[in-house]
């Protein structure tokens, strides 16, 4: 049984999705959870592939 990381990212403005994307690149099997206060997640156009890939709800 492998021990995969559990990562929590707090904040959905520019730095939150960037940190989550970086964590994914460093460990493709990590369980990444992001908490955002409001209903919207800030994403730059370069983050669009991560959205399409289902990394963010």
PDB file of N, CA and C in Angstrom:
ATOM      1  N   UNK A   1       0.838  -1.179   0.000  1.00  0.00           N
ATOM      2  CA  UNK A   1       0.000   0.000   0.000  1.00  0.00           C
ATOM      3  C   UNK A   1       0.885   1.245   0.000  1.00  0.00           C
ATOM      4  N   UNK A   2       0.623   2.121  -0.946  1.00  0.00           N
ATOM      5  CA  UNK A   2       1.425   3.331  -1.039  1.00  0.00           C
ATOM      6  C   UNK A   2       0.841   4.418  -0.152  1.00  0.00           C
ATOM      7  N   UNK A   3       1.707   5.278   0.327  1.00  0.00           N
ATOM      8  CA  UNK A   3       1.310   6.373   1.189  1.00  0.00           C
ATOM      9  C   UNK A   3       1.328   7.663   0.377  1.00  0.00           C
ATOM     10  N   UNK A   4       0.155   8.116  -0.072  1.00  0.00           N
ATOM     11  CA  UNK A   4       0.076   9.329  -0.872  1.00  0.00           C
ATOM     12  C   UNK A   4      -0.176  10.535   0.023  1.00  0.00           C
ATOM     13  N   UNK A   5       0.361  11.670  -0.385  1.00  0.00           N
ATOM     14  CA  UNK A   5       0.211  12.902   0.384  1.00  0.00           C
ATOM     15  C   UNK A   5      -1.229  13.396   0.336  1.00  0.00           C
ATOM     16  N   UNK A   6      -1.642  14.062   1.404  1.00  0.00           N
ATOM     17  CA  UNK A   6      -2.908  14.778   1.455  1.00  0.00           C
ATOM     18  C   UNK A   6      -2.558  16.245   1.625  1.00  0.00           C
ATOM     19  N   UNK A   7      -2.947  17.061   0.658  1.00  0.00           N
ATOM     20  CA  UNK A   7      -2.566  18.470   0.632  1.00  0.00           C
ATOM     21  C   UNK A   7      -3.827  19.321   0.686  1.00  0.00           C
ATOM     22  N   UNK A   8      -3.826  20.332   1.550  1.00  0.00           N
ATOM     23  CA  UNK A   8      -4.929  21.282   1.635  1.00  0.00           C
ATOM     24  C   UNK A   8      -4.410  22.641   1.197  1.00  0.00           C
ATOM     25  N   UNK A   9      -5.123  23.267   0.260  1.00  0.00           N
ATOM     26  CA  UNK A   9      -4.793  24.612  -0.207  1.00  0.00           C
ATOM     27  C   UNK A   9      -5.932  25.517   0.244  1.00  0.00           C
ATOM     28  N   UNK A  10      -5.598  26.583   0.950  1.00  0.00           N
ATOM     29  CA  UNK A  10      -6.608  27.523   1.427  1.00  0.00           C
ATOM     30  C   UNK A  10      -6.500  28.798   0.609  1.00  0.00           C
ATOM     31  N   UNK A  11      -7.579  29.132  -0.082  1.00  0.00           N
ATOM     32  CA  UNK A  11      -7.629  30.332  -0.909  1.00  0.00           C
ATOM     33  C   UNK A  11      -7.728  29.999  -2.379  1.00  0.00           C
ATOM     34  N   UNK A  12      -8.662  30.649  -3.054  1.00  0.00           N
ATOM     35  CA  UNK A  12      -8.882  30.360  -4.462  1.00  0.00           C
ATOM     36  C   UNK A  12      -8.558  31.520  -5.379  1.00  0.00           C
ATOM     37  N   UNK A  13      -7.835  32.524  -4.859  1.00  0.00           N
ATOM     38  CA  UNK A  13      -7.406  33.589  -5.761  1.00  0.00           C
ATOM     39  C   UNK A  13      -6.192  33.086  -6.532  1.00  0.00           C
ATOM     40  N   UNK A  14      -5.415  33.935  -7.104  1.00  0.00           N
ATOM     41  CA  UNK A  14      -4.339  33.520  -8.013  1.00  0.00           C
ATOM     42  C   UNK A  14      -3.361  32.509  -7.417  1.00  0.00           C
ATOM     43  N   UNK A  15      -2.991  32.663  -6.161  1.00  0.00           N
ATOM     44  CA  UNK A  15      -1.966  31.794  -5.579  1.00  0.00           C
ATOM     45  C   UNK A  15      -2.475  30.392  -5.247  1.00  0.00           C
ATOM     46  N   UNK A  16      -3.751  30.258  -4.872  1.00  0.00           N
ATOM     47  CA  UNK A  16      -4.296  28.955  -4.500  1.00  0.00           C
ATOM     48  C   UNK A  16      -4.250  27.931  -5.628  1.00  0.00           C
ATOM     49  N   UNK A  17      -4.855  28.245  -6.791  1.00  0.00           N
ATOM     50  CA  UNK A  17      -4.789  27.312  -7.913  1.00  0.00           C
ATOM     51  C   UNK A  17      -3.359  27.056  -8.385  1.00  0.00           C
ATOM     52  N   UNK A  18      -2.512  28.070  -8.307  1.00  0.00           N
ATOM     53  CA  UNK A  18      -1.103  27.900  -8.688  1.00  0.00           C
ATOM     54  C   UNK A  18      -0.430  26.892  -7.758  1.00  0.00           C
ATOM     55  N   UNK A  19      -0.686  27.009  -6.454  1.00  0.00           N
ATOM     56  CA  UNK A  19      -0.103  26.071  -5.494  1.00  0.00           C
ATOM     57  C   UNK A  19      -0.635  24.658  -5.715  1.00  0.00           C
ATOM     58  N   UNK A  20      -1.932  24.539  -5.999  1.00  0.00           N
ATOM     59  CA  UNK A  20      -2.521  23.220  -6.250  1.00  0.00           C
ATOM     60  C   UNK A  20      -1.941  22.593  -7.517  1.00  0.00           C
ATOM     61  N   UNK A  21      -1.764  23.398  -8.555  1.00  0.00           N
ATOM     62  CA  UNK A  21      -1.184  22.887  -9.801  1.00  0.00           C
ATOM     63  C   UNK A  21       0.259  22.445  -9.592  1.00  0.00           C
ATOM     64  N   UNK A  22       0.993  23.211  -8.828  1.00  0.00           N
ATOM     65  CA  UNK A  22       2.388  22.846  -8.536  1.00  0.00           C
ATOM     66  C   UNK A  22       2.445  21.551  -7.723  1.00  0.00           C
ATOM     67  N   UNK A  23       1.560  21.431  -6.753  1.00  0.00           N
ATOM     68  CA  UNK A  23       1.511  20.203  -5.951  1.00  0.00           C
ATOM     69  C   UNK A  23       1.188  19.000  -6.829  1.00  0.00           C
ATOM     70  N   UNK A  24       0.272  19.180  -7.778  1.00  0.00           N
ATOM     71  CA  UNK A  24      -0.083  18.085  -8.687  1.00  0.00           C
ATOM     72  C   UNK A  24       1.119  17.680  -9.538  1.00  0.00           C
ATOM     73  N   UNK A  25       1.869  18.657 -10.020  1.00  0.00           N
ATOM     74  CA  UNK A  25       3.055  18.335 -10.832  1.00  0.00           C
ATOM     75  C   UNK A  25       4.109  17.599 -10.012  1.00  0.00           C
ATOM     76  N   UNK A  26       4.190  17.906  -8.726  1.00  0.00           N
ATOM     77  CA  UNK A  26       5.188  17.260  -7.876  1.00  0.00           C
ATOM     78  C   UNK A  26       4.759  15.861  -7.441  1.00  0.00           C
ATOM     79  N   UNK A  27       3.440  15.625  -7.347  1.00  0.00           N
ATOM     80  CA  UNK A  27       2.942  14.314  -6.924  1.00  0.00           C
ATOM     81  C   UNK A  27       1.592  14.065  -7.592  1.00  0.00           C
ATOM     82  N   UNK A  28       1.595  13.290  -8.655  1.00  0.00           N
ATOM     83  CA  UNK A  28       0.365  13.079  -9.422  1.00  0.00           C
ATOM     84  C   UNK A  28      -0.679  12.260  -8.668  1.00  0.00           C
ATOM     85  N   UNK A  29      -0.296  11.611  -7.584  1.00  0.00           N
ATOM     86  CA  UNK A  29      -1.230  10.783  -6.825  1.00  0.00           C
ATOM     87  C   UNK A  29      -1.699  11.433  -5.522  1.00  0.00           C
ATOM     88  N   UNK A  30      -1.218  12.638  -5.232  1.00  0.00           N
ATOM     89  CA  UNK A  30      -1.607  13.321  -3.990  1.00  0.00           C
ATOM     90  C   UNK A  30      -3.100  13.639  -4.003  1.00  0.00           C
ATOM     91  N   UNK A  31      -3.695  13.634  -2.822  1.00  0.00           N
ATOM     92  CA  UNK A  31      -5.087  14.048  -2.663  1.00  0.00           C
ATOM     93  C   UNK A  31      -5.059  15.538  -2.335  1.00  0.00           C
ATOM     94  N   UNK A  32      -5.511  16.370  -3.272  1.00  0.00           N
ATOM     95  CA  UNK A  32      -5.440  17.821  -3.118  1.00  0.00           C
ATOM     96  C   UNK A  32      -6.847  18.377  -2.931  1.00  0.00           C
ATOM     97  N   UNK A  33      -7.035  19.115  -1.838  1.00  0.00           N
ATOM     98  CA  UNK A  33      -8.321  19.744  -1.543  1.00  0.00           C
ATOM     99  C   UNK A  33      -8.092  21.237  -1.419  1.00  0.00           C
ATOM    100  N   UNK A  34      -8.939  22.027  -2.107  1.00  0.00           N
ATOM    101  CA  UNK A  34      -8.805  23.477  -2.041  1.00  0.00           C
ATOM    102  C   UNK A  34     -10.067  24.069  -1.416  1.00  0.00           C
ATOM    103  N   UNK A  35      -9.875  24.973  -0.458  1.00  0.00           N
ATOM    104  CA  UNK A  35     -10.984  25.665   0.186  1.00  0.00           C
ATOM    105  C   UNK A  35     -10.988  27.112  -0.276  1.00  0.00           C
ATOM    106  N   UNK A  36     -12.170  27.597  -0.659  1.00  0.00           N
ATOM    107  CA  UNK A  36     -12.354  28.961  -1.127  1.00  0.00           C
ATOM    108  C   UNK A  36     -13.558  29.537  -0.410  1.00  0.00           C
ATOM    109  N   UNK A  37     -13.437  30.743   0.104  1.00  0.00           N
ATOM    110  CA  UNK A  37     -14.522  31.360   0.866  1.00  0.00           C
ATOM    111  C   UNK A  37     -15.764  31.610   0.006  1.00  0.00           C
ATOM    112  N   UNK A  38     -15.582  32.139  -1.170  1.00  0.00           N
ATOM    113  CA  UNK A  38     -16.710  32.479  -2.034  1.00  0.00           C
ATOM    114  C   UNK A  38     -17.032  31.377  -3.028  1.00  0.00           C
ATOM    115  N   UNK A  39     -18.014  31.617  -3.880  1.00  0.00           N
ATOM    116  CA  UNK A  39     -18.440  30.594  -4.842  1.00  0.00           C
ATOM    117  C   UNK A  39     -17.554  30.492  -6.081  1.00  0.00           C
ATOM    118  N   UNK A  40     -16.704  31.481  -6.316  1.00  0.00           N
ATOM    119  CA  UNK A  40     -15.908  31.512  -7.543  1.00  0.00           C
ATOM    120  C   UNK A  40     -14.439  31.227  -7.281  1.00  0.00           C
ATOM    121  N   UNK A  41     -13.830  30.540  -8.222  1.00  0.00           N
ATOM    122  CA  UNK A  41     -12.408  30.224  -8.167  1.00  0.00           C
ATOM    123  C   UNK A  41     -11.706  31.050  -9.228  1.00  0.00           C
ATOM    124  N   UNK A  42     -10.661  31.758  -8.863  1.00  0.00           N
ATOM    125  CA  UNK A  42      -9.907  32.562  -9.810  1.00  0.00           C
ATOM    126  C   UNK A  42      -8.980  31.668 -10.616  1.00  0.00           C
ATOM    127  N   UNK A  43      -9.064  31.775 -11.929  1.00  0.00           N
ATOM    128  CA  UNK A  43      -8.182  30.979 -12.786  1.00  0.00           C
ATOM    129  C   UNK A  43      -7.712  31.833 -13.952  1.00  0.00           C
ATOM    130  N   UNK A  44      -6.432  31.821 -14.207  1.00  0.00           N
ATOM    131  CA  UNK A  44      -5.888  32.484 -15.382  1.00  0.00           C
ATOM    132  C   UNK A  44      -6.109  31.576 -16.586  1.00  0.00           C
ATOM    133  N   UNK A  45      -5.954  32.116 -17.768  1.00  0.00           N
ATOM    134  CA  UNK A  45      -6.172  31.298 -18.967  1.00  0.00           C
ATOM    135  C   UNK A  45      -5.239  30.098 -19.014  1.00  0.00           C
ATOM    136  N   UNK A  46      -4.054  30.203 -18.428  1.00  0.00           N
ATOM    137  CA  UNK A  46      -3.132  29.073 -18.426  1.00  0.00           C
ATOM    138  C   UNK A  46      -3.601  27.961 -17.486  1.00  0.00           C
ATOM    139  N   UNK A  47      -4.533  28.246 -16.588  1.00  0.00           N
ATOM    140  CA  UNK A  47      -5.081  27.231 -15.700  1.00  0.00           C
ATOM    141  C   UNK A  47      -6.251  26.478 -16.303  1.00  0.00           C
ATOM    142  N   UNK A  48      -6.699  26.907 -17.480  1.00  0.00           N
ATOM    143  CA  UNK A  48      -7.857  26.285 -18.115  1.00  0.00           C
ATOM    144  C   UNK A  48      -7.702  24.782 -18.329  1.00  0.00           C
ATOM    145  N   UNK A  49      -6.534  24.283 -18.755  1.00  0.00           N
ATOM    146  CA  UNK A  49      -6.400  22.823 -18.914  1.00  0.00           C
ATOM    147  C   UNK A  49      -6.625  22.052 -17.616  1.00  0.00           C
ATOM    148  N   UNK A  50      -6.272  22.629 -16.478  1.00  0.00           N
ATOM    149  CA  UNK A  50      -6.511  21.965 -15.202  1.00  0.00           C
ATOM    150  C   UNK A  50      -8.008  21.907 -14.897  1.00  0.00           C
ATOM    151  N   UNK A  51      -8.723  22.980 -15.252  1.00  0.00           N
ATOM    152  CA  UNK A  51     -10.171  23.003 -15.063  1.00  0.00           C
ATOM    153  C   UNK A  51     -10.837  21.954 -15.947  1.00  0.00           C
ATOM    154  N   UNK A  52     -10.460  21.914 -17.201  1.00  0.00           N
ATOM    155  CA  UNK A  52     -11.020  20.938 -18.141  1.00  0.00           C
ATOM    156  C   UNK A  52     -10.661  19.523 -17.715  1.00  0.00           C
ATOM    157  N   UNK A  53      -9.478  19.343 -17.158  1.00  0.00           N
ATOM    158  CA  UNK A  53      -9.034  18.023 -16.717  1.00  0.00           C
ATOM    159  C   UNK A  53      -9.704  17.551 -15.440  1.00  0.00           C
ATOM    160  N   UNK A  54     -10.543  18.396 -14.832  1.00  0.00           N
ATOM    161  CA  UNK A  54     -11.287  17.985 -13.654  1.00  0.00           C
ATOM    162  C   UNK A  54     -10.548  18.149 -12.341  1.00  0.00           C
ATOM    163  N   UNK A  55      -9.474  18.920 -12.332  1.00  0.00           N
ATOM    164  CA  UNK A  55      -8.737  19.116 -11.086  1.00  0.00           C
ATOM    165  C   UNK A  55      -9.472  20.051 -10.130  1.00  0.00           C
ATOM    166  N   UNK A  56     -10.382  20.878 -10.660  1.00  0.00           N
ATOM    167  CA  UNK A  56     -11.155  21.809  -9.849  1.00  0.00           C
ATOM    168  C   UNK A  56     -12.626  21.605 -10.143  1.00  0.00           C
ATOM    169  N   UNK A  57     -13.466  21.726  -9.115  1.00  0.00           N
ATOM    170  CA  UNK A  57     -14.921  21.631  -9.314  1.00  0.00           C
ATOM    171  C   UNK A  57     -15.481  22.993  -9.624  1.00  0.00           C
TER     172      UNK A  57
END
